[in-house]
Amino acid sequence: MAQRITVMLDDDVVKKLRARQAKKIKETVNAMSFSAIVNESLKECIKG
């Protein structure tokens, strides 16, 4: 179950995440929410 959490992100991080979101949207025909991009990015980082 997802939780609603407030997080403060630096402007440069938001730009990179938005760019990643745009790339994913271009690659597929599906919409991709900003939250989904943040979740995907965090999962990749903590996978290790």
PDB file of N, CA and C in Angstrom:
ATOM      1  N   MET A   1       0.845  -1.177   0.000  1.00  0.00           N
ATOM      2  CA  MET A   1       0.000   0.000   0.000  1.00  0.00           C
ATOM      3  C   MET A   1       0.890   1.240   0.000  1.00  0.00           C
ATOM      4  N   ALA A   2       0.558   2.197  -0.816  1.00  0.00           N
ATOM      5  CA  ALA A   2       1.338   3.427  -0.920  1.00  0.00           C
ATOM      6  C   ALA A   2       1.040   4.355   0.255  1.00  0.00           C
ATOM      7  N   GLN A   3       2.036   5.122   0.633  1.00  0.00           N
ATOM      8  CA  GLN A   3       1.889   6.111   1.696  1.00  0.00           C
ATOM      9  C   GLN A   3       2.130   7.495   1.125  1.00  0.00           C
ATOM     10  N   ARG A   4       1.382   8.456   1.614  1.00  0.00           N
ATOM     11  CA  ARG A   4       1.580   9.839   1.200  1.00  0.00           C
ATOM     12  C   ARG A   4       2.630  10.456   2.118  1.00  0.00           C
ATOM     13  N   ILE A   5       3.750  10.875   1.512  1.00  0.00           N
ATOM     14  CA  ILE A   5       4.863  11.434   2.272  1.00  0.00           C
ATOM     15  C   ILE A   5       5.317  12.716   1.583  1.00  0.00           C
ATOM     16  N   THR A   6       5.586  13.744   2.369  1.00  0.00           N
ATOM     17  CA  THR A   6       6.097  14.995   1.817  1.00  0.00           C
ATOM     18  C   THR A   6       7.617  14.966   1.870  1.00  0.00           C
ATOM     19  N   VAL A   7       8.242  15.247   0.731  1.00  0.00           N
ATOM     20  CA  VAL A   7       9.697  15.251   0.627  1.00  0.00           C
ATOM     21  C   VAL A   7      10.112  16.521  -0.097  1.00  0.00           C
ATOM     22  N   MET A   8      11.144  17.169   0.397  1.00  0.00           N
ATOM     23  CA  MET A   8      11.686  18.356  -0.264  1.00  0.00           C
ATOM     24  C   MET A   8      12.817  17.917  -1.183  1.00  0.00           C
ATOM     25  N   LEU A   9      12.693  18.225  -2.479  1.00  0.00           N
ATOM     26  CA  LEU A   9      13.709  17.853  -3.459  1.00  0.00           C
ATOM     27  C   LEU A   9      14.399  19.102  -3.982  1.00  0.00           C
ATOM     28  N   ASP A  10      15.697  19.005  -4.195  1.00  0.00           N
ATOM     29  CA  ASP A  10      16.440  20.113  -4.794  1.00  0.00           C
ATOM     30  C   ASP A  10      15.990  20.297  -6.238  1.00  0.00           C
ATOM     31  N   ASP A  11      16.104  21.531  -6.721  1.00  0.00           N
ATOM     32  CA  ASP A  11      15.668  21.857  -8.081  1.00  0.00           C
ATOM     33  C   ASP A  11      16.351  20.995  -9.136  1.00  0.00           C
ATOM     34  N   ASP A  12      17.647  20.743  -8.961  1.00  0.00           N
ATOM     35  CA  ASP A  12      18.366  19.947  -9.959  1.00  0.00           C
ATOM     36  C   ASP A  12      17.879  18.502  -9.987  1.00  0.00           C
ATOM     37  N   VAL A  13      17.474  17.985  -8.842  1.00  0.00           N
ATOM     38  CA  VAL A  13      16.946  16.623  -8.775  1.00  0.00           C
ATOM     39  C   VAL A  13      15.588  16.558  -9.477  1.00  0.00           C
ATOM     40  N   VAL A  14      14.757  17.555  -9.249  1.00  0.00           N
ATOM     41  CA  VAL A  14      13.443  17.605  -9.898  1.00  0.00           C
ATOM     42  C   VAL A  14      13.606  17.671 -11.412  1.00  0.00           C
ATOM     43  N   LYS A  15      14.555  18.476 -11.888  1.00  0.00           N
ATOM     44  CA  LYS A  15      14.796  18.581 -13.334  1.00  0.00           C
ATOM     45  C   LYS A  15      15.179  17.235 -13.926  1.00  0.00           C
ATOM     46  N   LYS A  16      16.058  16.518 -13.235  1.00  0.00           N
ATOM     47  CA  LYS A  16      16.494  15.206 -13.723  1.00  0.00           C
ATOM     48  C   LYS A  16      15.341  14.204 -13.709  1.00  0.00           C
ATOM     49  N   LEU A  17      14.536  14.240 -12.668  1.00  0.00           N
ATOM     50  CA  LEU A  17      13.397  13.335 -12.594  1.00  0.00           C
ATOM     51  C   LEU A  17      12.360  13.662 -13.664  1.00  0.00           C
ATOM     52  N   ARG A  18      12.117  14.947 -13.912  1.00  0.00           N
ATOM     53  CA  ARG A  18      11.165  15.358 -14.962  1.00  0.00           C
ATOM     54  C   ARG A  18      11.673  14.937 -16.340  1.00  0.00           C
ATOM     55  N   ALA A  19      12.979  15.046 -16.554  1.00  0.00           N
ATOM     56  CA  ALA A  19      13.561  14.618 -17.828  1.00  0.00           C
ATOM     57  C   ALA A  19      13.392  13.111 -17.996  1.00  0.00           C
ATOM     58  N   ARG A  20      13.601  12.386 -16.917  1.00  0.00           N
ATOM     59  CA  ARG A  20      13.422  10.928 -16.955  1.00  0.00           C
ATOM     60  C   ARG A  20      11.962  10.574 -17.232  1.00  0.00           C
ATOM     61  N   GLN A  21      11.054  11.325 -16.632  1.00  0.00           N
ATOM     62  CA  GLN A  21       9.626  11.121 -16.857  1.00  0.00           C
ATOM     63  C   GLN A  21       9.275  11.360 -18.325  1.00  0.00           C
ATOM     64  N   ALA A  22       9.780  12.443 -18.893  1.00  0.00           N
ATOM     65  CA  ALA A  22       9.512  12.763 -20.298  1.00  0.00           C
ATOM     66  C   ALA A  22      10.034  11.663 -21.218  1.00  0.00           C
ATOM     67  N   LYS A  23      11.212  11.150 -20.915  1.00  0.00           N
ATOM     68  CA  LYS A  23      11.806  10.079 -21.721  1.00  0.00           C
ATOM     69  C   LYS A  23      10.938   8.822 -21.676  1.00  0.00           C
ATOM     70  N   LYS A  24      10.474   8.468 -20.477  1.00  0.00           N
ATOM     71  CA  LYS A  24       9.628   7.278 -20.325  1.00  0.00           C
ATOM     72  C   LYS A  24       8.316   7.445 -21.095  1.00  0.00           C
ATOM     73  N   ILE A  25       7.747   8.638 -21.048  1.00  0.00           N
ATOM     74  CA  ILE A  25       6.491   8.893 -21.745  1.00  0.00           C
ATOM     75  C   ILE A  25       6.695   8.792 -23.255  1.00  0.00           C
ATOM     76  N   LYS A  26       7.820   9.291 -23.753  1.00  0.00           N
ATOM     77  CA  LYS A  26       8.110   9.210 -25.187  1.00  0.00           C
ATOM     78  C   LYS A  26       8.332   7.773 -25.636  1.00  0.00           C
ATOM     79  N   GLU A  27       8.941   6.960 -24.778  1.00  0.00           N
ATOM     80  CA  GLU A  27       9.252   5.570 -25.115  1.00  0.00           C
ATOM     81  C   GLU A  27       8.008   4.689 -25.143  1.00  0.00           C
ATOM     82  N   THR A  28       7.000   5.051 -24.381  1.00  0.00           N
ATOM     83  CA  THR A  28       5.772   4.260 -24.324  1.00  0.00           C
ATOM     84  C   THR A  28       4.586   5.155 -24.654  1.00  0.00           C
ATOM     85  N   VAL A  29       3.442   4.554 -24.823  1.00  0.00           N
ATOM     86  CA  VAL A  29       2.227   5.335 -25.067  1.00  0.00           C
ATOM     87  C   VAL A  29       1.487   5.611 -23.759  1.00  0.00           C
ATOM     88  N   ASN A  30       1.996   5.076 -22.671  1.00  0.00           N
ATOM     89  CA  ASN A  30       1.348   5.231 -21.373  1.00  0.00           C
ATOM     90  C   ASN A  30       1.822   6.482 -20.651  1.00  0.00           C
ATOM     91  N   ALA A  31       0.934   7.053 -19.866  1.00  0.00           N
ATOM     92  CA  ALA A  31       1.314   8.163 -19.000  1.00  0.00           C
ATOM     93  C   ALA A  31       2.136   7.603 -17.846  1.00  0.00           C
ATOM     94  N   MET A  32       3.023   8.422 -17.311  1.00  0.00           N
ATOM     95  CA  MET A  32       3.858   7.993 -16.182  1.00  0.00           C
ATOM     96  C   MET A  32       3.855   9.136 -15.173  1.00  0.00           C
ATOM     97  N   SER A  33       3.313   8.895 -13.999  1.00  0.00           N
ATOM     98  CA  SER A  33       3.220   9.951 -12.994  1.00  0.00           C
ATOM     99  C   SER A  33       4.597  10.278 -12.409  1.00  0.00           C
ATOM    100  N   PHE A  34       4.705  11.473 -11.868  1.00  0.00           N
ATOM    101  CA  PHE A  34       5.951  11.886 -11.227  1.00  0.00           C
ATOM    102  C   PHE A  34       6.244  10.971 -10.041  1.00  0.00           C
ATOM    103  N   SER A  35       5.218  10.596  -9.308  1.00  0.00           N
ATOM    104  CA  SER A  35       5.396   9.684  -8.169  1.00  0.00           C
ATOM    105  C   SER A  35       5.953   8.339  -8.614  1.00  0.00           C
ATOM    106  N   ALA A  36       5.478   7.842  -9.746  1.00  0.00           N
ATOM    107  CA  ALA A  36       5.975   6.566 -10.267  1.00  0.00           C
ATOM    108  C   ALA A  36       7.453   6.670 -10.624  1.00  0.00           C
ATOM    109  N   ILE A  37       7.857   7.795 -11.195  1.00  0.00           N
ATOM    110  CA  ILE A  37       9.262   8.011 -11.546  1.00  0.00           C
ATOM    111  C   ILE A  37      10.121   8.075 -10.286  1.00  0.00           C
ATOM    112  N   VAL A  38       9.648   8.786  -9.281  1.00  0.00           N
ATOM    113  CA  VAL A  38      10.392   8.887  -8.019  1.00  0.00           C
ATOM    114  C   VAL A  38      10.526   7.499  -7.388  1.00  0.00           C
ATOM    115  N   ASN A  39       9.441   6.732  -7.351  1.00  0.00           N
ATOM    116  CA  ASN A  39       9.485   5.375  -6.791  1.00  0.00           C
ATOM    117  C   ASN A  39      10.455   4.491  -7.550  1.00  0.00           C
ATOM    118  N   GLU A  40      10.386   4.531  -8.867  1.00  0.00           N
ATOM    119  CA  GLU A  40      11.271   3.718  -9.700  1.00  0.00           C
ATOM    120  C   GLU A  40      12.737   4.080  -9.453  1.00  0.00           C
ATOM    121  N   SER A  41      13.021   5.364  -9.384  1.00  0.00           N
ATOM    122  CA  SER A  41      14.395   5.831  -9.167  1.00  0.00           C
ATOM    123  C   SER A  41      14.913   5.415  -7.794  1.00  0.00           C
ATOM    124  N   LEU A  42      14.085   5.556  -6.779  1.00  0.00           N
ATOM    125  CA  LEU A  42      14.490   5.157  -5.429  1.00  0.00           C
ATOM    126  C   LEU A  42      14.732   3.654  -5.338  1.00  0.00           C
ATOM    127  N   LYS A  43      13.870   2.873  -5.968  1.00  0.00           N
ATOM    128  CA  LYS A  43      14.047   1.419  -5.951  1.00  0.00           C
ATOM    129  C   LYS A  43      15.355   1.014  -6.615  1.00  0.00           C
ATOM    130  N   GLU A  44      15.715   1.680  -7.712  1.00  0.00           N
ATOM    131  CA  GLU A  44      16.985   1.390  -8.380  1.00  0.00           C
ATOM    132  C   GLU A  44      18.171   1.722  -7.477  1.00  0.00           C
ATOM    133  N   CYS A  45      18.066   2.821  -6.740  1.00  0.00           N
ATOM    134  CA  CYS A  45      19.177   3.261  -5.881  1.00  0.00           C
ATOM    135  C   CYS A  45      19.359   2.373  -4.652  1.00  0.00           C
ATOM    136  N   ILE A  46      18.284   1.883  -4.089  1.00  0.00           N
ATOM    137  CA  ILE A  46      18.401   1.102  -2.850  1.00  0.00           C
ATOM    138  C   ILE A  46      18.436  -0.401  -3.103  1.00  0.00           C
ATOM    139  N   LYS A  47      18.442  -0.783  -4.361  1.00  0.00           N
ATOM    140  CA  LYS A  47      18.474  -2.192  -4.743  1.00  0.00           C
ATOM    141  C   LYS A  47      19.698  -2.907  -4.171  1.00  0.00           C
ATOM    142  N   GLY A  48      20.840  -2.237  -4.261  1.00  0.00           N
ATOM    143  CA  GLY A  48      22.139  -2.739  -3.974  1.00  0.00           C
ATOM    144  C   GLY A  48      22.387  -3.602  -2.845  1.00  0.00           C
TER     145      GLY A  48
END
